[in-house]
Amino acid sequence: MEQLYSITEAARAFGVSVPTLRYYEECGLIRPTARRGRVRQYDRAALERLAYAQLWHDDGMMPLADTAAVMTSRAAPERHALITARHDAMRERIDRLSRAAAVLRHMLQCPADHPLDCPVTGAYIRSRVDAALAGEEPPEPAFPDVPEEPSGS
């Protein structure tokens, strides 16, 4: 007979809370294999399904709705379309975060006493005001790629 793991044991082993596992059940991501009294029990196949859900949700950083959609997709093209959409959104976010990091690095290392006195920051702020007054989209920040200084100080 295959070993069964209680919901508490499964939660502890996978680093999630018992309410999280219950919520995953509500979302259709996992199903208990059996119940002993009122306690949900999971076999290895159910735990593999939980690990599969974590692959998409935790490692792939997909929302639970997208995780469920990928896990229930029957055909590779459908799954690939979902994954491609998430990947594209993630790349866009990474690009935005990279630009934000460049702005912050510049601001930390700028020798000007005030950001408006900085040639780079001041020019960007002035062009942003000009765009706003003209009813245009603000320009993309174009701060020089300043290397990060080692942290830990």
N, C-alpha and C. Protein backbone atom coordinates (compact mmCIF):
# COMPACT_ATOMS: atom_id res chain seq x y z
N MET A 1 0.84 -1.19 0.00
CA MET A 1 0.00 0.00 0.00
C MET A 1 0.88 1.25 0.00
N GLU A 2 0.53 2.19 -0.84
CA GLU A 2 1.32 3.41 -0.98
C GLU A 2 1.16 4.30 0.24
N GLN A 3 2.24 4.95 0.62
CA GLN A 3 2.20 5.83 1.78
C GLN A 3 1.37 7.07 1.47
N LEU A 4 0.59 7.50 2.44
CA LEU A 4 -0.19 8.73 2.33
C LEU A 4 0.38 9.74 3.32
N TYR A 5 0.28 11.01 2.93
CA TYR A 5 0.80 12.10 3.75
C TYR A 5 -0.37 13.02 4.10
N SER A 6 -0.43 13.40 5.37
CA SER A 6 -1.51 14.29 5.80
C SER A 6 -1.31 15.67 5.18
N ILE A 7 -2.34 16.46 5.22
CA ILE A 7 -2.24 17.82 4.67
C ILE A 7 -1.17 18.61 5.42
N THR A 8 -1.05 18.37 6.72
CA THR A 8 -0.02 19.06 7.51
C THR A 8 1.38 18.63 7.07
N GLU A 9 1.56 17.33 6.87
CA GLU A 9 2.86 16.84 6.41
C GLU A 9 3.20 17.37 5.02
N ALA A 10 2.22 17.37 4.14
CA ALA A 10 2.45 17.88 2.78
C ALA A 10 2.78 19.36 2.80
N ALA A 11 2.03 20.13 3.59
CA ALA A 11 2.28 21.57 3.68
C ALA A 11 3.70 21.83 4.19
N ARG A 12 4.08 21.13 5.24
CA ARG A 12 5.42 21.32 5.81
C ARG A 12 6.50 20.95 4.79
N ALA A 13 6.31 19.82 4.12
CA ALA A 13 7.32 19.34 3.16
C ALA A 13 7.50 20.30 1.99
N PHE A 14 6.42 20.98 1.59
CA PHE A 14 6.48 21.85 0.41
C PHE A 14 6.58 23.33 0.76
N GLY A 15 6.71 23.64 2.05
CA GLY A 15 6.93 25.03 2.46
C GLY A 15 5.73 25.94 2.25
N VAL A 16 4.53 25.39 2.39
CA VAL A 16 3.32 26.20 2.28
C VAL A 16 2.46 25.96 3.52
N SER A 17 1.44 26.75 3.68
CA SER A 17 0.54 26.58 4.82
C SER A 17 -0.59 25.61 4.46
N VAL A 18 -1.22 25.08 5.49
CA VAL A 18 -2.38 24.21 5.27
C VAL A 18 -3.48 24.98 4.54
N PRO A 19 -3.80 26.24 4.93
CA PRO A 19 -4.81 26.98 4.16
C PRO A 19 -4.43 27.16 2.68
N THR A 20 -3.13 27.27 2.39
CA THR A 20 -2.70 27.39 1.00
C THR A 20 -3.05 26.11 0.23
N LEU A 21 -2.79 24.96 0.83
CA LEU A 21 -3.14 23.71 0.15
C LEU A 21 -4.65 23.60 -0.06
N ARG A 22 -5.42 24.02 0.93
CA ARG A 22 -6.88 24.01 0.76
C ARG A 22 -7.30 24.93 -0.38
N TYR A 23 -6.64 26.10 -0.46
CA TYR A 23 -6.96 27.03 -1.54
C TYR A 23 -6.57 26.45 -2.90
N TYR A 24 -5.43 25.77 -2.96
CA TYR A 24 -5.02 25.12 -4.20
C TYR A 24 -6.07 24.08 -4.63
N GLU A 25 -6.67 23.41 -3.66
CA GLU A 25 -7.75 22.47 -3.97
C GLU A 25 -8.95 23.21 -4.56
N GLU A 26 -9.31 24.34 -3.95
CA GLU A 26 -10.43 25.14 -4.46
C GLU A 26 -10.17 25.59 -5.90
N CYS A 27 -8.92 25.90 -6.21
CA CYS A 27 -8.55 26.35 -7.56
C CYS A 27 -8.44 25.19 -8.54
N GLY A 28 -8.51 23.96 -8.04
CA GLY A 28 -8.41 22.79 -8.90
C GLY A 28 -6.99 22.38 -9.23
N LEU A 29 -6.02 22.91 -8.50
CA LEU A 29 -4.62 22.58 -8.79
C LEU A 29 -4.26 21.20 -8.25
N ILE A 30 -4.79 20.84 -7.09
CA ILE A 30 -4.50 19.54 -6.48
C ILE A 30 -5.79 18.95 -5.95
N ARG A 31 -5.73 17.64 -5.69
CA ARG A 31 -6.86 16.93 -5.08
C ARG A 31 -6.30 15.96 -4.05
N PRO A 32 -6.96 15.87 -2.90
CA PRO A 32 -6.50 14.85 -1.94
C PRO A 32 -6.80 13.46 -2.49
N THR A 33 -5.97 12.52 -2.12
CA THR A 33 -6.15 11.15 -2.56
C THR A 33 -7.21 10.45 -1.71
N ALA A 34 -7.22 10.79 -0.43
CA ALA A 34 -8.15 10.15 0.50
C ALA A 34 -8.35 11.07 1.69
N ARG A 35 -9.23 10.61 2.59
CA ARG A 35 -9.44 11.30 3.86
C ARG A 35 -9.43 10.26 4.97
N ARG A 36 -8.79 10.61 6.04
CA ARG A 36 -8.85 9.79 7.25
C ARG A 36 -9.54 10.65 8.28
N GLY A 37 -10.81 10.37 8.49
CA GLY A 37 -11.62 11.25 9.31
C GLY A 37 -11.83 12.53 8.51
N ARG A 38 -11.44 13.64 9.08
CA ARG A 38 -11.57 14.92 8.38
C ARG A 38 -10.24 15.39 7.78
N VAL A 39 -9.22 14.58 7.91
CA VAL A 39 -7.87 14.98 7.47
C VAL A 39 -7.63 14.53 6.04
N ARG A 40 -7.29 15.47 5.20
CA ARG A 40 -6.95 15.16 3.81
C ARG A 40 -5.62 14.41 3.77
N GLN A 41 -5.53 13.48 2.85
CA GLN A 41 -4.32 12.68 2.67
C GLN A 41 -3.91 12.76 1.20
N TYR A 42 -2.61 12.76 0.97
CA TYR A 42 -2.07 12.86 -0.38
C TYR A 42 -1.10 11.71 -0.62
N ASP A 43 -1.18 11.11 -1.81
CA ASP A 43 -0.20 10.10 -2.20
C ASP A 43 0.89 10.79 -3.02
N ARG A 44 1.85 10.03 -3.46
CA ARG A 44 2.98 10.60 -4.21
C ARG A 44 2.51 11.29 -5.49
N ALA A 45 1.56 10.72 -6.20
CA ALA A 45 1.07 11.34 -7.44
C ALA A 45 0.46 12.72 -7.14
N ALA A 46 -0.27 12.84 -6.04
CA ALA A 46 -0.86 14.13 -5.67
C ALA A 46 0.24 15.12 -5.31
N LEU A 47 1.29 14.63 -4.65
CA LEU A 47 2.41 15.52 -4.30
C LEU A 47 3.19 15.94 -5.55
N GLU A 48 3.27 15.06 -6.53
CA GLU A 48 3.91 15.44 -7.79
C GLU A 48 3.09 16.52 -8.49
N ARG A 49 1.79 16.42 -8.41
CA ARG A 49 0.92 17.47 -8.99
C ARG A 49 1.13 18.79 -8.25
N LEU A 50 1.31 18.73 -6.94
CA LEU A 50 1.60 19.94 -6.16
C LEU A 50 2.95 20.52 -6.60
N ALA A 51 3.95 19.68 -6.77
CA ALA A 51 5.26 20.17 -7.24
C ALA A 51 5.14 20.78 -8.63
N TYR A 52 4.29 20.18 -9.46
CA TYR A 52 4.05 20.71 -10.81
C TYR A 52 3.39 22.09 -10.73
N ALA A 53 2.44 22.24 -9.83
CA ALA A 53 1.80 23.55 -9.62
C ALA A 53 2.83 24.57 -9.14
N GLN A 54 3.71 24.16 -8.24
CA GLN A 54 4.74 25.07 -7.74
C GLN A 54 5.72 25.46 -8.84
N LEU A 55 5.98 24.54 -9.76
CA LEU A 55 6.85 24.88 -10.90
C LEU A 55 6.29 26.09 -11.63
N TRP A 56 5.00 26.07 -11.93
CA TRP A 56 4.39 27.17 -12.67
C TRP A 56 4.18 28.40 -11.80
N HIS A 57 3.66 28.20 -10.59
CA HIS A 57 3.30 29.35 -9.75
C HIS A 57 4.51 29.99 -9.08
N ASP A 58 5.34 29.19 -8.43
CA ASP A 58 6.48 29.75 -7.70
C ASP A 58 7.68 30.00 -8.61
N ASP A 59 8.12 28.98 -9.30
CA ASP A 59 9.31 29.10 -10.13
C ASP A 59 9.05 29.91 -11.40
N GLY A 60 7.89 29.71 -12.02
CA GLY A 60 7.54 30.44 -13.24
C GLY A 60 6.85 31.76 -12.96
N MET A 61 6.56 32.03 -11.68
CA MET A 61 5.92 33.28 -11.24
C MET A 61 4.61 33.56 -11.99
N MET A 62 3.82 32.50 -12.20
CA MET A 62 2.54 32.66 -12.87
C MET A 62 1.44 32.82 -11.82
N PRO A 63 0.48 33.70 -12.07
CA PRO A 63 -0.67 33.78 -11.16
C PRO A 63 -1.38 32.42 -11.11
N LEU A 64 -2.11 32.17 -10.03
CA LEU A 64 -2.78 30.89 -9.87
C LEU A 64 -3.75 30.59 -11.00
N ALA A 65 -4.45 31.60 -11.50
CA ALA A 65 -5.38 31.36 -12.61
C ALA A 65 -4.63 30.86 -13.84
N ASP A 66 -3.50 31.46 -14.14
CA ASP A 66 -2.69 31.01 -15.29
C ASP A 66 -2.08 29.63 -15.02
N THR A 67 -1.68 29.41 -13.77
CA THR A 67 -1.14 28.10 -13.38
C THR A 67 -2.19 27.03 -13.64
N ALA A 68 -3.42 27.28 -13.19
CA ALA A 68 -4.50 26.30 -13.39
C ALA A 68 -4.76 26.10 -14.88
N ALA A 69 -4.74 27.18 -15.65
CA ALA A 69 -4.99 27.06 -17.09
C ALA A 69 -3.92 26.23 -17.77
N VAL A 70 -2.67 26.43 -17.40
CA VAL A 70 -1.58 25.65 -17.99
C VAL A 70 -1.69 24.19 -17.58
N MET A 71 -1.99 23.97 -16.29
CA MET A 71 -2.06 22.59 -15.80
C MET A 71 -3.23 21.81 -16.40
N THR A 72 -4.28 22.50 -16.78
CA THR A 72 -5.44 21.79 -17.34
C THR A 72 -5.46 21.79 -18.86
N SER A 73 -4.51 22.49 -19.48
CA SER A 73 -4.48 22.51 -20.94
C SER A 73 -4.16 21.11 -21.45
N ARG A 74 -4.83 20.72 -22.50
CA ARG A 74 -4.66 19.37 -23.05
C ARG A 74 -3.64 19.34 -24.19
N ALA A 75 -3.55 20.43 -24.93
CA ALA A 75 -2.70 20.45 -26.13
C ALA A 75 -1.53 21.41 -25.93
N ALA A 76 -0.40 21.04 -26.46
CA ALA A 76 0.81 21.86 -26.34
C ALA A 76 0.62 23.27 -26.90
N PRO A 77 -0.04 23.46 -28.06
CA PRO A 77 -0.19 24.83 -28.57
C PRO A 77 -0.95 25.75 -27.60
N GLU A 78 -1.97 25.20 -26.96
CA GLU A 78 -2.72 25.99 -25.97
C GLU A 78 -1.82 26.37 -24.80
N ARG A 79 -1.06 25.40 -24.30
CA ARG A 79 -0.13 25.64 -23.19
C ARG A 79 0.95 26.63 -23.60
N HIS A 80 1.47 26.47 -24.81
CA HIS A 80 2.54 27.37 -25.29
C HIS A 80 2.02 28.80 -25.42
N ALA A 81 0.78 28.97 -25.84
CA ALA A 81 0.22 30.32 -25.95
C ALA A 81 0.14 30.98 -24.58
N LEU A 82 -0.29 30.23 -23.58
CA LEU A 82 -0.36 30.77 -22.21
C LEU A 82 1.03 31.13 -21.70
N ILE A 83 1.97 30.24 -21.92
CA ILE A 83 3.34 30.46 -21.44
C ILE A 83 3.97 31.65 -22.17
N THR A 84 3.75 31.73 -23.46
CA THR A 84 4.30 32.85 -24.24
C THR A 84 3.77 34.18 -23.74
N ALA A 85 2.47 34.25 -23.47
CA ALA A 85 1.89 35.50 -22.97
C ALA A 85 2.52 35.89 -21.64
N ARG A 86 2.69 34.94 -20.72
CA ARG A 86 3.31 35.24 -19.42
C ARG A 86 4.77 35.63 -19.61
N HIS A 87 5.47 34.93 -20.49
CA HIS A 87 6.89 35.23 -20.74
C HIS A 87 7.05 36.64 -21.28
N ASP A 88 6.20 37.01 -22.25
CA ASP A 88 6.28 38.36 -22.83
C ASP A 88 6.01 39.43 -21.78
N ALA A 89 5.01 39.21 -20.93
CA ALA A 89 4.70 40.17 -19.86
C ALA A 89 5.86 40.26 -18.89
N MET A 90 6.49 39.13 -18.60
CA MET A 90 7.62 39.13 -17.68
C MET A 90 8.81 39.88 -18.28
N ARG A 91 9.08 39.66 -19.56
CA ARG A 91 10.20 40.37 -20.22
C ARG A 91 9.97 41.88 -20.17
N GLU A 92 8.73 42.29 -20.41
CA GLU A 92 8.40 43.72 -20.34
C GLU A 92 8.65 44.26 -18.94
N ARG A 93 8.23 43.51 -17.94
CA ARG A 93 8.46 43.94 -16.55
C ARG A 93 9.95 43.99 -16.23
N ILE A 94 10.70 43.00 -16.69
CA ILE A 94 12.15 42.99 -16.46
C ILE A 94 12.78 44.22 -17.10
N ASP A 95 12.36 44.57 -18.30
CA ASP A 95 12.89 45.76 -18.98
C ASP A 95 12.58 47.02 -18.16
N ARG A 96 11.34 47.11 -17.67
CA ARG A 96 10.96 48.28 -16.85
C ARG A 96 11.78 48.32 -15.56
N LEU A 97 11.97 47.17 -14.91
CA LEU A 97 12.76 47.13 -13.69
C LEU A 97 14.22 47.48 -13.95
N SER A 98 14.75 47.05 -15.09
CA SER A 98 16.14 47.39 -15.45
C SER A 98 16.29 48.90 -15.64
N ARG A 99 15.30 49.51 -16.31
CA ARG A 99 15.35 50.98 -16.48
C ARG A 99 15.25 51.67 -15.12
N ALA A 100 14.37 51.18 -14.26
CA ALA A 100 14.22 51.77 -12.93
C ALA A 100 15.51 51.64 -12.13
N ALA A 101 16.15 50.49 -12.22
CA ALA A 101 17.42 50.30 -11.51
C ALA A 101 18.48 51.26 -12.03
N ALA A 102 18.52 51.49 -13.34
CA ALA A 102 19.49 52.43 -13.92
C ALA A 102 19.23 53.84 -13.41
N VAL A 103 17.95 54.24 -13.32
CA VAL A 103 17.62 55.56 -12.79
C VAL A 103 18.11 55.68 -11.35
N LEU A 104 17.81 54.69 -10.54
CA LEU A 104 18.19 54.77 -9.13
C LEU A 104 19.70 54.74 -8.95
N ARG A 105 20.40 53.91 -9.74
CA ARG A 105 21.87 53.90 -9.65
C ARG A 105 22.44 55.27 -10.02
N HIS A 106 21.87 55.87 -11.08
CA HIS A 106 22.35 57.19 -11.47
C HIS A 106 22.12 58.20 -10.35
N MET A 107 20.91 58.15 -9.77
CA MET A 107 20.58 59.11 -8.71
C MET A 107 21.49 58.93 -7.50
N LEU A 108 21.87 57.70 -7.21
CA LEU A 108 22.77 57.45 -6.08
C LEU A 108 24.19 57.94 -6.35
N GLN A 109 24.61 57.89 -7.59
CA GLN A 109 25.99 58.22 -7.93
C GLN A 109 26.16 59.59 -8.58
N CYS A 110 25.07 60.30 -8.77
CA CYS A 110 25.14 61.60 -9.42
C CYS A 110 25.89 62.59 -8.51
N PRO A 111 26.87 63.29 -9.05
CA PRO A 111 27.64 64.23 -8.22
C PRO A 111 26.91 65.55 -7.97
N ALA A 112 25.82 65.83 -8.68
CA ALA A 112 25.10 67.09 -8.49
C ALA A 112 24.45 67.12 -7.10
N ASP A 113 24.41 68.33 -6.52
CA ASP A 113 23.79 68.47 -5.20
C ASP A 113 22.29 68.24 -5.26
N HIS A 114 21.66 68.57 -6.37
CA HIS A 114 20.21 68.42 -6.51
C HIS A 114 19.94 67.78 -7.87
N PRO A 115 18.99 66.86 -7.95
CA PRO A 115 18.72 66.18 -9.23
C PRO A 115 18.44 67.14 -10.39
N LEU A 116 17.80 68.28 -10.14
CA LEU A 116 17.52 69.21 -11.24
C LEU A 116 18.79 69.86 -11.76
N ASP A 117 19.84 69.88 -10.96
CA ASP A 117 21.12 70.44 -11.39
C ASP A 117 21.95 69.43 -12.18
N CYS A 118 21.56 68.19 -12.16
CA CYS A 118 22.28 67.14 -12.90
C CYS A 118 21.94 67.29 -14.38
N PRO A 119 22.93 67.28 -15.26
CA PRO A 119 22.63 67.41 -16.68
C PRO A 119 21.71 66.30 -17.20
N VAL A 120 21.90 65.08 -16.75
CA VAL A 120 21.09 63.96 -17.23
C VAL A 120 19.68 64.03 -16.65
N THR A 121 19.58 64.14 -15.34
CA THR A 121 18.28 64.15 -14.68
C THR A 121 17.50 65.40 -15.04
N GLY A 122 18.16 66.53 -15.02
CA GLY A 122 17.49 67.78 -15.37
C GLY A 122 16.93 67.76 -16.78
N ALA A 123 17.72 67.26 -17.73
CA ALA A 123 17.26 67.18 -19.13
C ALA A 123 16.05 66.25 -19.23
N TYR A 124 16.07 65.15 -18.52
CA TYR A 124 14.96 64.22 -18.56
C TYR A 124 13.70 64.87 -17.97
N ILE A 125 13.84 65.53 -16.84
CA ILE A 125 12.69 66.17 -16.19
C ILE A 125 12.10 67.25 -17.10
N ARG A 126 12.96 68.07 -17.72
CA ARG A 126 12.48 69.12 -18.63
C ARG A 126 11.75 68.51 -19.83
N SER A 127 12.28 67.42 -20.38
CA SER A 127 11.62 66.80 -21.54
C SER A 127 10.30 66.15 -21.11
N ARG A 128 10.22 65.69 -19.90
CA ARG A 128 8.98 65.10 -19.40
C ARG A 128 7.90 66.18 -19.23
N VAL A 129 8.31 67.35 -18.72
CA VAL A 129 7.36 68.47 -18.59
C VAL A 129 6.90 68.92 -19.97
N ASP A 130 7.85 69.06 -20.92
CA ASP A 130 7.48 69.46 -22.28
C ASP A 130 6.47 68.48 -22.90
N ALA A 131 6.70 67.19 -22.70
CA ALA A 131 5.78 66.19 -23.26
C ALA A 131 4.41 66.29 -22.61
N ALA A 132 4.37 66.48 -21.29
CA ALA A 132 3.09 66.59 -20.60
C ALA A 132 2.31 67.80 -21.08
N LEU A 133 3.00 68.94 -21.26
CA LEU A 133 2.32 70.15 -21.72
C LEU A 133 1.86 70.05 -23.17
N ALA A 134 2.53 69.22 -23.94
CA ALA A 134 2.15 69.02 -25.35
C ALA A 134 1.12 67.90 -25.51
N GLY A 135 0.74 67.28 -24.40
CA GLY A 135 -0.22 66.19 -24.46
C GLY A 135 0.36 64.91 -25.05
N GLU A 136 1.66 64.74 -24.90
CA GLU A 136 2.34 63.58 -25.46
C GLU A 136 2.72 62.61 -24.34
N GLU A 137 3.06 61.42 -24.76
CA GLU A 137 3.56 60.43 -23.81
C GLU A 137 4.92 60.89 -23.28
N PRO A 138 5.20 60.63 -22.01
CA PRO A 138 6.52 61.02 -21.50
C PRO A 138 7.61 60.19 -22.18
N PRO A 139 8.79 60.76 -22.31
CA PRO A 139 9.90 60.02 -22.93
C PRO A 139 10.36 58.89 -22.02
N GLU A 140 10.97 57.90 -22.61
CA GLU A 140 11.57 56.82 -21.82
C GLU A 140 12.80 57.38 -21.12
N PRO A 141 12.99 57.04 -19.86
CA PRO A 141 14.21 57.48 -19.19
C PRO A 141 15.44 56.91 -19.90
N ALA A 142 16.40 57.75 -20.16
CA ALA A 142 17.62 57.31 -20.84
C ALA A 142 18.82 57.66 -19.97
N PHE A 143 18.92 56.97 -18.87
CA PHE A 143 20.03 57.23 -17.96
C PHE A 143 21.18 56.32 -18.33
N PRO A 144 22.39 56.83 -18.21
CA PRO A 144 23.54 55.99 -18.57
C PRO A 144 23.59 54.77 -17.68
N ASP A 145 24.05 53.66 -18.23
CA ASP A 145 24.16 52.44 -17.46
C ASP A 145 25.38 52.54 -16.55
N VAL A 146 25.11 52.88 -15.30
CA VAL A 146 26.17 53.04 -14.32
C VAL A 146 26.34 51.69 -13.61
N PRO A 147 27.57 51.19 -13.52
CA PRO A 147 27.77 49.91 -12.84
C PRO A 147 27.36 50.02 -11.37
N GLU A 148 26.85 48.91 -10.86
CA GLU A 148 26.45 48.88 -9.46
C GLU A 148 27.70 48.87 -8.58
N GLU A 149 27.59 49.56 -7.48
CA GLU A 149 28.66 49.52 -6.50
C GLU A 149 28.40 48.32 -5.60
N PRO A 150 29.42 47.68 -5.12
CA PRO A 150 29.22 46.54 -4.23
C PRO A 150 28.43 46.98 -2.99
N SER A 151 27.46 46.15 -2.60
CA SER A 151 26.68 46.50 -1.41
C SER A 151 27.33 45.87 -0.19
N GLY A 152 26.74 46.13 0.93
CA GLY A 152 27.28 45.56 2.16
C GLY A 152 27.96 46.60 3.02
N SER A 153 27.87 47.86 2.64
CA SER A 153 28.52 48.88 3.45
C SER A 153 27.60 49.41 4.50
